């Protein structure tokens, strides 16, 4: 994590904006929605509001604010996520069992911490500014998780309620899928410069790549449906051994939030509820097992994370200014309608064929913050690109997301690659 680029005044404004945004994202919820946990991977929305607050209290105020009084010492147990160094905690799968503290208490907790943070930021301590920026990026990660967890809460409810109705863009029409060649060579990987990055984006290093080509756009619902209709979920020759065992246990052999009906497949969406699957939009909410099997079925493969980053820097050097659930008033995971539009950023998280491992000379931070990324570098696969639920400040070519291969409640999708 690099030195903060914010001035003390700038970090104060950013602090207020990010903190307000988390509460705004929860505004459409009913009181009951805040506490439920229908799946171990899905945390209750009120837990996200509390945990992101605990981060500021525990890692900044407790160490840097003179005579700071914690709101309630017992909340450490509720809102510590996975930090072994910070003491005992509620198991992740048990967060939904906690009916108390209630939402009003958590909102009071946020107000208490926000007031103390504003006073502390007035002292203009550079280290406090740096840690505050880290805390804000952490909270923005939880804003993305808030949306995806809310989608699971509402999307598995038989009423399929709309989260927040938005203006529906004009229907997309997918351009022809082509493959963009990238020549063999030595390429730089990883974050450089003074802007913020996570420790897992370091250290900057070179890799040697062979000739390859990457898909000009994402795989669509219609293309994935053809895989399904061809018996893709049962054809073991396309799957890893663990993957086919996982696929055969699925109650519905389709992407998450797809539901069969008399009129064909329907899909739950945040802004419209249950709607017919649009064949031109990118397929989303699939796991790595599914993405890898589809790529084999299609006669291709997934890109490595290094191939993906190099292709992104060549074909998508600019961050997209497009609809985003977190910071925009519209949402639409588009695909290219113009053959010249090869944007790799900001639609869905794209599974790669790379295991989540440290880069050479990875600078794992000391202390509790060393637990943030480093200890998860096993049994997970890397995703790149960001999604419609990702804050725009987090969308960059070097950002490394990571999940186990069966996880699919995030906005995850497929981009193919080929050897040439």
Protein backbone atom coordinates (compact mmCIF):
# COMPACT_ATOMS: atom_id res chain seq x y z
CA UNK A 1 0.00 0.00 0.00
CA UNK A 2 1.48 3.30 -1.12
CA UNK A 3 1.62 6.70 0.55
CA UNK A 4 -1.70 8.57 0.42
CA UNK A 5 -2.07 11.16 -2.33
CA UNK A 6 -4.76 13.02 -0.34
CA UNK A 7 -4.30 16.29 1.48
CA UNK A 8 -5.83 16.40 4.98
CA UNK A 9 -8.74 18.45 3.61
CA UNK A 10 -9.21 16.08 0.70
CA UNK A 11 -9.21 12.97 2.89
CA UNK A 12 -11.88 14.50 5.14
CA UNK A 13 -14.21 15.11 2.20
CA UNK A 14 -13.55 11.63 0.86
CA UNK A 15 -14.20 10.15 4.30
CA UNK A 16 -17.65 11.76 4.49
CA UNK A 17 -18.55 10.70 0.97
CA UNK A 18 -17.59 7.06 1.37
CA UNK A 19 -19.21 6.70 4.79
CA UNK A 20 -22.47 8.19 3.55
CA UNK A 21 -22.45 5.93 0.51
CA UNK A 22 -22.60 2.72 2.56
CA UNK A 23 -25.75 3.88 4.34
CA UNK A 24 -27.24 5.01 1.01
CA UNK A 25 -26.74 1.57 -0.50
CA UNK A 26 -28.78 0.05 2.33
CA UNK A 27 -31.59 2.64 2.14
CA UNK A 28 -33.98 0.54 -0.04
CA UNK A 29 -33.92 -2.39 2.40
CA UNK A 30 -36.69 -3.45 4.74
CA UNK A 31 -35.74 -3.80 8.41
CA UNK A 32 -35.75 -7.60 8.12
CA UNK A 33 -33.30 -7.53 5.18
CA UNK A 34 -30.54 -6.08 7.34
CA UNK A 35 -30.11 -9.16 9.55
CA UNK A 36 -30.54 -12.27 7.39
CA UNK A 37 -27.75 -14.54 6.14
CA UNK A 38 -29.17 -17.06 3.64
CA UNK A 39 -25.70 -18.44 2.76
CA UNK A 40 -22.38 -18.68 4.68
CA UNK A 41 -20.69 -16.50 2.03
CA UNK A 42 -23.30 -13.76 2.43
CA UNK A 43 -22.98 -11.39 5.38
CA UNK A 44 -26.00 -9.46 6.72
CA UNK A 45 -26.02 -5.83 5.54
CA UNK A 46 -25.91 -4.53 9.10
CA UNK A 47 -22.73 -6.55 9.67
CA UNK A 48 -21.04 -4.73 6.77
CA UNK A 49 -22.08 -1.38 8.27
CA UNK A 50 -20.61 -2.38 11.62
CA UNK A 51 -17.44 -4.07 10.38
CA UNK A 52 -16.35 -1.16 8.19
CA UNK A 53 -16.81 1.09 11.25
CA UNK A 54 -14.85 -1.28 13.49
CA UNK A 55 -11.94 -1.04 11.04
CA UNK A 56 -11.58 2.71 11.66
CA UNK A 57 -12.06 2.37 15.40
CA UNK A 58 -9.74 -0.58 15.87
CA UNK A 59 -6.86 0.30 13.54
CA UNK A 60 -6.87 4.11 13.68
CA UNK A 61 -8.77 5.66 16.59
CA UNK A 62 -7.58 3.17 19.21
CA UNK A 63 -3.93 3.89 18.32
CA UNK A 64 -3.90 7.56 17.29
CA UNK A 65 -6.78 9.39 19.02
CA UNK A 66 -5.86 10.68 22.49
CA UNK A 67 -8.22 9.45 25.24
CA UNK A 68 -10.53 7.81 22.71
CA UNK A 69 -13.38 5.86 24.32
CA UNK A 70 -14.69 2.92 22.35
CA UNK A 71 -18.41 2.93 21.65
CA UNK A 72 -18.81 -0.57 23.11
CA UNK A 73 -15.92 -3.00 23.70
CA UNK A 74 -18.25 -5.95 23.03
CA UNK A 75 -18.64 -4.93 19.39
CA UNK A 76 -15.07 -6.09 18.71
CA UNK A 77 -16.35 -9.67 18.92
CA UNK A 78 -19.21 -8.98 16.50
CA UNK A 79 -17.32 -7.05 13.84
CA UNK A 80 -13.82 -8.54 13.71
CA UNK A 81 -13.91 -10.40 10.40
CA UNK A 82 -10.90 -12.72 10.23
CA UNK A 83 -8.05 -10.96 12.07
CA UNK A 84 -6.53 -13.59 14.35
CA UNK A 85 -4.32 -10.92 15.90
CA UNK A 86 -7.38 -8.93 17.01
CA UNK A 87 -8.93 -11.59 19.20
CA UNK A 88 -12.04 -13.82 19.08
CA UNK A 89 -14.93 -13.19 16.71
CA UNK A 90 -18.27 -14.50 15.51
CA UNK A 91 -17.81 -17.23 12.90
CA UNK A 92 -18.52 -15.93 9.42
CA UNK A 93 -21.32 -18.44 8.90
CA UNK A 94 -22.96 -17.35 12.19
CA UNK A 95 -23.19 -13.61 11.55
CA UNK A 96 -26.88 -13.90 10.69
CA UNK A 97 -27.64 -15.48 14.07
CA UNK A 98 -26.98 -12.20 15.85
CA UNK A 99 -30.26 -10.27 16.11
CA UNK A 100 -28.53 -7.81 18.44
CA UNK A 101 -27.01 -5.26 18.28
CA UNK A 102 -29.91 -3.76 16.38
CA UNK A 103 -29.62 -1.51 13.37
CA UNK A 104 -30.17 1.67 15.40
CA UNK A 105 -27.23 0.77 17.64
CA UNK A 106 -25.00 0.16 14.63
CA UNK A 107 -25.97 3.52 13.11
CA UNK A 108 -25.16 5.18 16.47
CA UNK A 109 -21.81 3.33 16.41
CA UNK A 110 -21.10 4.74 12.95
CA UNK A 111 -21.96 8.27 14.10
CA UNK A 112 -19.71 7.93 17.17
CA UNK A 113 -16.73 6.75 15.13
CA UNK A 114 -17.31 9.26 12.32
CA UNK A 115 -17.27 12.16 14.80
CA UNK A 116 -14.02 10.97 16.36
CA UNK A 117 -12.43 10.39 12.96
CA UNK A 118 -13.28 13.89 11.78
CA UNK A 119 -11.64 15.36 14.88
CA UNK A 120 -8.57 13.19 14.41
CA UNK A 121 -8.20 14.12 10.75
CA UNK A 122 -8.06 17.79 11.74
CA UNK A 123 -4.62 17.07 13.29
CA UNK A 124 -3.25 16.41 9.77
CA UNK A 125 -1.06 13.47 10.82
CA UNK A 126 0.33 11.93 7.58
CA UNK A 127 0.16 8.39 8.98
CA UNK A 128 -3.47 8.87 10.00
CA UNK A 129 -4.21 10.16 6.50
CA UNK A 130 -2.53 7.09 4.98
CA UNK A 131 -4.41 4.65 7.21
CA UNK A 132 -7.68 6.50 6.63
CA UNK A 133 -7.29 6.09 2.88
CA UNK A 134 -6.71 2.38 3.47
CA UNK A 135 -9.88 2.24 5.59
CA UNK A 136 -11.88 3.99 2.87
CA UNK A 137 -10.73 1.55 0.22
CA UNK A 138 -11.62 -1.25 2.62
CA UNK A 139 -15.11 0.19 3.07
CA UNK A 140 -15.53 0.53 -0.69
CA UNK A 141 -14.72 -3.16 -1.02
CA UNK A 142 -17.55 -3.77 1.44
CA UNK A 143 -19.85 -1.56 -0.61
CA UNK A 144 -19.38 -3.99 -3.48
CA UNK A 145 -19.98 -6.91 -1.12
CA UNK A 146 -23.07 -5.13 0.20
CA UNK A 147 -24.59 -5.07 -3.28
CA UNK A 148 -23.75 -8.66 -4.08
CA UNK A 149 -24.93 -9.86 -0.68
CA UNK A 150 -28.14 -7.84 -1.00
CA UNK A 151 -28.67 -9.43 -4.42
CA UNK A 152 -28.36 -12.89 -2.89
CA UNK A 153 -30.74 -11.98 -0.06
CA UNK A 154 -33.39 -10.64 -2.46
CA UNK A 155 -32.63 -12.90 -5.43
CA UNK A 156 -33.23 -16.09 -3.46
CA UNK A 157 -36.47 -14.75 -1.98
CA UNK A 158 -39.50 -16.28 -3.81
CA UNK A 159 -41.01 -12.78 -4.15
CA UNK A 160 -37.92 -11.60 -6.11
CA UNK A 161 -38.27 -8.01 -4.86
CA UNK A 162 -36.69 -5.10 -6.75
CA UNK A 163 -33.81 -3.54 -4.84
CA UNK A 164 -33.78 -0.10 -6.46
CA UNK A 165 -35.57 0.52 -9.72
CA UNK A 166 -33.48 2.25 -12.38
CA UNK A 167 -33.99 3.45 -15.91
CA UNK A 168 -33.44 0.50 -18.23
CA UNK A 169 -30.98 1.27 -21.05
CA UNK A 170 -31.74 0.40 -24.64
CA UNK A 171 -31.29 -3.30 -25.44
CA UNK A 172 -27.73 -4.31 -26.16
CA UNK A 173 -26.70 -6.17 -29.29
CA UNK A 174 -23.48 -8.12 -28.98
CA UNK A 175 -20.83 -7.52 -31.61
CA UNK A 176 -19.20 -10.45 -33.34
CA UNK A 177 -16.70 -12.23 -31.12
CA UNK A 178 -13.17 -11.97 -32.51
CA UNK A 179 -9.76 -12.63 -30.99
CA UNK A 180 -7.24 -9.83 -30.53
CA UNK A 181 -3.61 -10.94 -30.98
CA UNK A 182 -0.92 -10.10 -28.44
CA UNK A 183 2.68 -10.79 -29.54
CA UNK A 184 5.12 -12.77 -27.47
CA UNK A 185 7.45 -10.73 -25.36
CA UNK A 186 8.63 -9.55 -21.99
CA UNK A 187 5.99 -7.50 -20.19
CA UNK A 188 5.83 -5.56 -16.92
CA UNK A 189 3.22 -6.72 -14.38
CA UNK A 190 1.99 -5.06 -11.22
CA UNK A 191 1.30 -1.62 -9.86
CA UNK A 192 3.63 1.35 -10.26
CA UNK A 193 3.34 4.99 -9.28
CA UNK A 194 2.13 6.79 -6.17
CA UNK A 195 -1.60 6.09 -6.37
CA UNK A 196 -3.18 3.65 -3.94
CA UNK A 197 -2.90 -0.08 -4.48
CA UNK A 198 -3.28 -3.20 -2.38
CA UNK A 199 -0.18 -5.05 -1.25
CA UNK A 200 -1.04 -8.03 -3.50
CA UNK A 201 -0.51 -5.80 -6.58
CA UNK A 202 3.18 -5.50 -5.65
CA UNK A 203 5.99 -6.01 -6.48
CA UNK A 204 6.34 -4.77 -10.03
CA UNK A 205 8.07 -7.45 -12.10
CA UNK A 206 8.49 -8.80 -15.63
CA UNK A 207 6.94 -11.90 -17.17
CA UNK A 208 7.63 -13.68 -20.45
CA UNK A 209 4.53 -14.42 -22.52
CA UNK A 210 4.11 -16.48 -25.67
CA UNK A 211 1.88 -15.38 -28.55
CA UNK A 212 -1.79 -15.46 -27.60
CA UNK A 213 -5.11 -13.85 -28.48
CA UNK A 214 -7.89 -12.63 -26.20
CA UNK A 215 -11.60 -12.35 -26.84
CA UNK A 216 -12.82 -8.98 -28.07
CA UNK A 217 -15.80 -9.13 -25.71
CA UNK A 218 -17.35 -11.15 -22.91
CA UNK A 219 -19.32 -14.35 -23.44
CA UNK A 220 -23.05 -13.64 -23.58
CA UNK A 221 -26.07 -15.32 -22.01
CA UNK A 222 -27.08 -16.64 -25.41
CA UNK A 223 -23.69 -18.24 -26.01
CA UNK A 224 -23.68 -19.79 -22.55
CA UNK A 225 -27.22 -21.09 -23.11
CA UNK A 226 -25.96 -23.05 -26.11
CA UNK A 227 -23.39 -24.69 -23.83
CA UNK A 228 -26.20 -25.63 -21.46
CA UNK A 229 -28.39 -26.97 -24.26
CA UNK A 230 -25.48 -29.09 -25.49
CA UNK A 231 -25.41 -30.89 -22.14
CA UNK A 232 -22.48 -28.87 -20.90
CA UNK A 233 -23.20 -29.42 -17.21
CA UNK A 234 -23.10 -33.22 -17.67
CA UNK A 235 -20.21 -33.62 -20.12
CA UNK A 236 -17.31 -34.55 -17.89
CA UNK A 237 -14.73 -34.09 -20.66
CA UNK A 238 -14.95 -30.29 -20.27
CA UNK A 239 -14.64 -30.16 -16.47
CA UNK A 240 -11.99 -30.50 -13.84
CA UNK A 241 -12.70 -33.50 -11.60
CA UNK A 242 -13.78 -31.33 -8.66
CA UNK A 243 -15.82 -29.18 -11.02
CA UNK A 244 -17.97 -31.93 -12.53
CA UNK A 245 -18.70 -33.31 -9.04
CA UNK A 246 -19.75 -29.81 -7.97
CA UNK A 247 -21.87 -29.28 -11.12
CA UNK A 248 -23.78 -32.54 -10.67
CA UNK A 249 -24.89 -31.39 -7.22
CA UNK A 250 -26.43 -28.15 -8.49
CA UNK A 251 -30.17 -27.94 -8.02
CA UNK A 252 -30.46 -25.74 -11.13
CA UNK A 253 -27.77 -26.40 -13.72
CA UNK A 254 -27.44 -22.81 -14.87
CA UNK A 255 -25.79 -19.58 -13.70
CA UNK A 256 -26.86 -18.33 -10.30
CA UNK A 257 -30.14 -16.36 -10.35
CA UNK A 258 -31.36 -18.18 -13.49
CA UNK A 259 -34.75 -19.80 -12.98
CA UNK A 260 -36.60 -22.03 -15.49
CA UNK A 261 -40.16 -21.08 -16.46
CA UNK A 262 -42.75 -22.10 -19.05
CA UNK A 263 -41.58 -19.21 -21.21
CA UNK A 264 -37.88 -20.01 -20.96
CA UNK A 265 -35.12 -18.96 -18.59
CA UNK A 266 -35.62 -15.98 -16.30
CA UNK A 267 -32.99 -14.10 -14.33
CA UNK A 268 -33.17 -12.07 -11.13
CA UNK A 269 -31.88 -8.50 -11.49
CA UNK A 270 -31.48 -5.81 -8.85
CA UNK A 271 -33.26 -3.10 -10.82
CA UNK A 272 -36.14 -5.03 -12.40
CA UNK A 273 -36.63 -8.18 -10.36
CA UNK A 274 -37.30 -11.34 -12.35
CA UNK A 275 -36.98 -10.82 -16.13
CA UNK A 276 -36.38 -12.93 -19.22
CA UNK A 277 -32.71 -13.70 -19.82
CA UNK A 278 -31.33 -11.28 -22.42
CA UNK A 279 -29.20 -13.34 -24.84
CA UNK A 280 -27.01 -10.34 -25.72
CA UNK A 281 -25.87 -9.39 -22.21
CA UNK A 282 -22.77 -10.94 -20.59
CA UNK A 283 -23.38 -14.11 -18.64
CA UNK A 284 -22.81 -13.36 -14.96
CA UNK A 285 -22.77 -15.14 -11.61
CA UNK A 286 -20.83 -18.18 -12.68
CA UNK A 287 -17.94 -19.88 -10.91
CA UNK A 288 -14.47 -20.68 -12.19
CA UNK A 289 -15.49 -24.30 -12.69
CA UNK A 290 -18.20 -23.17 -15.11
CA UNK A 291 -16.00 -20.61 -16.85
CA UNK A 292 -13.24 -23.15 -17.40
CA UNK A 293 -15.67 -25.81 -18.67
CA UNK A 294 -17.31 -23.35 -21.07
CA UNK A 295 -13.91 -22.30 -22.43
CA UNK A 296 -12.99 -25.93 -23.15
CA UNK A 297 -16.37 -26.54 -24.77
CA UNK A 298 -15.81 -23.48 -26.97
CA UNK A 299 -12.38 -24.72 -28.07
CA UNK A 300 -10.53 -22.03 -26.14
CA UNK A 301 -9.24 -21.38 -22.63
CA UNK A 302 -9.18 -18.73 -19.94
CA UNK A 303 -6.36 -16.19 -20.00
CA UNK A 304 -3.77 -16.19 -17.27
CA UNK A 305 -3.89 -13.12 -15.07
CA UNK A 306 -0.65 -11.90 -16.68
CA UNK A 307 -2.07 -12.27 -20.20
CA UNK A 308 -5.21 -10.48 -19.06
CA UNK A 309 -3.28 -7.54 -17.55
CA UNK A 310 -1.10 -7.12 -20.62
CA UNK A 311 -4.13 -7.26 -22.95
CA UNK A 312 -5.98 -4.77 -20.76
CA UNK A 313 -3.11 -2.28 -20.90
CA UNK A 314 -3.00 -2.64 -24.70
CA UNK A 315 -6.71 -2.62 -25.55
CA UNK A 316 -8.35 -0.88 -22.55
CA UNK A 317 -5.92 1.71 -21.20
CA UNK A 318 -8.66 4.01 -19.91
CA UNK A 319 -11.02 3.41 -16.99
CA UNK A 320 -14.58 3.21 -18.38
CA UNK A 321 -17.04 5.96 -17.52
CA UNK A 322 -20.09 3.74 -17.50
CA UNK A 323 -23.08 2.90 -15.38
CA UNK A 324 -22.12 1.60 -11.95
CA UNK A 325 -24.35 0.56 -9.07
CA UNK A 326 -22.10 2.05 -6.44
CA UNK A 327 -21.37 5.51 -7.81
CA UNK A 328 -23.73 6.02 -10.71
CA UNK A 329 -27.47 6.32 -11.23
CA UNK A 330 -27.69 3.53 -13.77
CA UNK A 331 -26.63 -0.06 -14.13
CA UNK A 332 -26.19 -2.22 -17.16
CA UNK A 333 -23.47 -4.85 -17.67
CA UNK A 334 -23.02 -4.06 -21.34
CA UNK A 335 -21.20 -5.87 -24.11
CA UNK A 336 -19.51 -4.23 -27.05
CA UNK A 337 -21.94 -3.05 -29.72
CA UNK A 338 -19.10 -1.50 -31.72
CA UNK A 339 -16.38 -3.92 -32.92
CA UNK A 340 -13.77 -1.31 -32.01
CA UNK A 341 -14.88 -1.29 -28.34
CA UNK A 342 -12.66 -3.86 -26.61
CA UNK A 343 -13.13 -2.65 -23.04
CA UNK A 344 -11.86 -5.18 -20.47
CA UNK A 345 -12.70 -3.08 -17.43
CA UNK A 346 -15.84 -2.49 -15.43
CA UNK A 347 -18.48 -4.92 -16.73
CA UNK A 348 -18.00 -8.19 -14.83
CA UNK A 349 -15.15 -9.73 -12.91
CA UNK A 350 -13.38 -12.01 -15.38
CA UNK A 351 -12.10 -15.38 -14.21
CA UNK A 352 -8.48 -16.11 -15.14
CA UNK A 353 -6.59 -19.37 -15.23
CA UNK A 354 -4.17 -18.22 -12.52
CA UNK A 355 -4.02 -19.35 -8.92
CA UNK A 356 -3.91 -16.54 -6.37
CA UNK A 357 -0.26 -16.49 -5.30
CA UNK A 358 2.18 -13.77 -4.20
CA UNK A 359 4.25 -11.92 -6.77
CA UNK A 360 8.05 -12.19 -6.56
CA UNK A 361 9.34 -10.17 -3.58
CA UNK A 362 5.77 -9.68 -2.33
CA UNK A 363 5.96 -7.07 0.49
CA UNK A 364 3.53 -8.60 3.00
CA UNK A 365 2.86 -5.87 5.60
CA UNK A 366 3.80 -6.40 9.22
CA UNK A 367 1.19 -6.67 11.96
CA UNK A 368 -2.55 -7.10 11.63
CA UNK A 369 -2.73 -5.54 8.17
CA UNK A 370 -0.51 -8.34 6.92
CA UNK A 371 -3.57 -10.57 7.36
CA UNK A 372 -5.57 -8.55 4.83
CA UNK A 373 -4.47 -10.31 1.63
CA UNK A 374 -1.39 -12.43 2.25
CA UNK A 375 -2.90 -15.26 4.27
CA UNK A 376 -5.51 -16.02 1.58
CA UNK A 377 -2.95 -16.91 -1.09
CA UNK A 378 -3.96 -20.56 -1.35
CA UNK A 379 -6.79 -22.52 -3.03
CA UNK A 380 -8.23 -19.47 -4.81
CA UNK A 381 -8.31 -18.22 -8.39
CA UNK A 382 -7.65 -14.68 -9.61
CA UNK A 383 -10.30 -12.47 -11.23
CA UNK A 384 -9.59 -9.24 -13.08
CA UNK A 385 -11.41 -6.22 -14.43
CA UNK A 386 -13.99 -5.07 -11.90
CA UNK A 387 -17.76 -5.19 -12.34
CA UNK A 388 -20.84 -3.01 -12.42
CA UNK A 389 -20.84 -3.31 -8.61
CA UNK A 390 -17.22 -2.22 -8.18
CA UNK A 391 -16.49 1.36 -7.08
CA UNK A 392 -14.82 3.14 -9.98
CA UNK A 393 -11.78 3.99 -7.84
CA UNK A 394 -11.09 0.25 -7.63
CA UNK A 395 -11.17 -0.42 -11.36
CA UNK A 396 -7.62 -0.62 -12.71
CA UNK A 397 -5.61 -3.12 -14.77
CA UNK A 398 -3.51 -4.34 -11.82
CA UNK A 399 -6.34 -5.01 -9.32
CA UNK A 400 -6.33 -8.68 -8.22
CA UNK A 401 -9.61 -10.07 -6.91
CA UNK A 402 -9.73 -13.68 -5.75
CA UNK A 403 -12.28 -16.35 -4.86
CA UNK A 404 -12.56 -20.11 -4.58
CA UNK A 405 -13.54 -21.76 -7.90
CA UNK A 406 -17.13 -22.54 -6.86
CA UNK A 407 -18.04 -18.98 -5.80
CA UNK A 408 -20.48 -17.14 -8.05
CA UNK A 409 -22.52 -14.64 -6.05
CA UNK A 410 -20.26 -11.86 -7.34
CA UNK A 411 -20.76 -10.40 -10.85
CA UNK A 412 -18.37 -12.89 -12.48
CA UNK A 413 -18.12 -13.80 -16.16
CA UNK A 414 -16.05 -15.22 -19.02
CA UNK A 415 -13.59 -13.84 -21.53
CA UNK A 416 -11.89 -16.42 -23.74
CA UNK A 417 -8.27 -16.67 -24.82
CA UNK A 418 -6.44 -18.81 -27.36
CA UNK A 419 -2.90 -19.84 -28.19
CA UNK A 420 -1.70 -18.59 -31.58
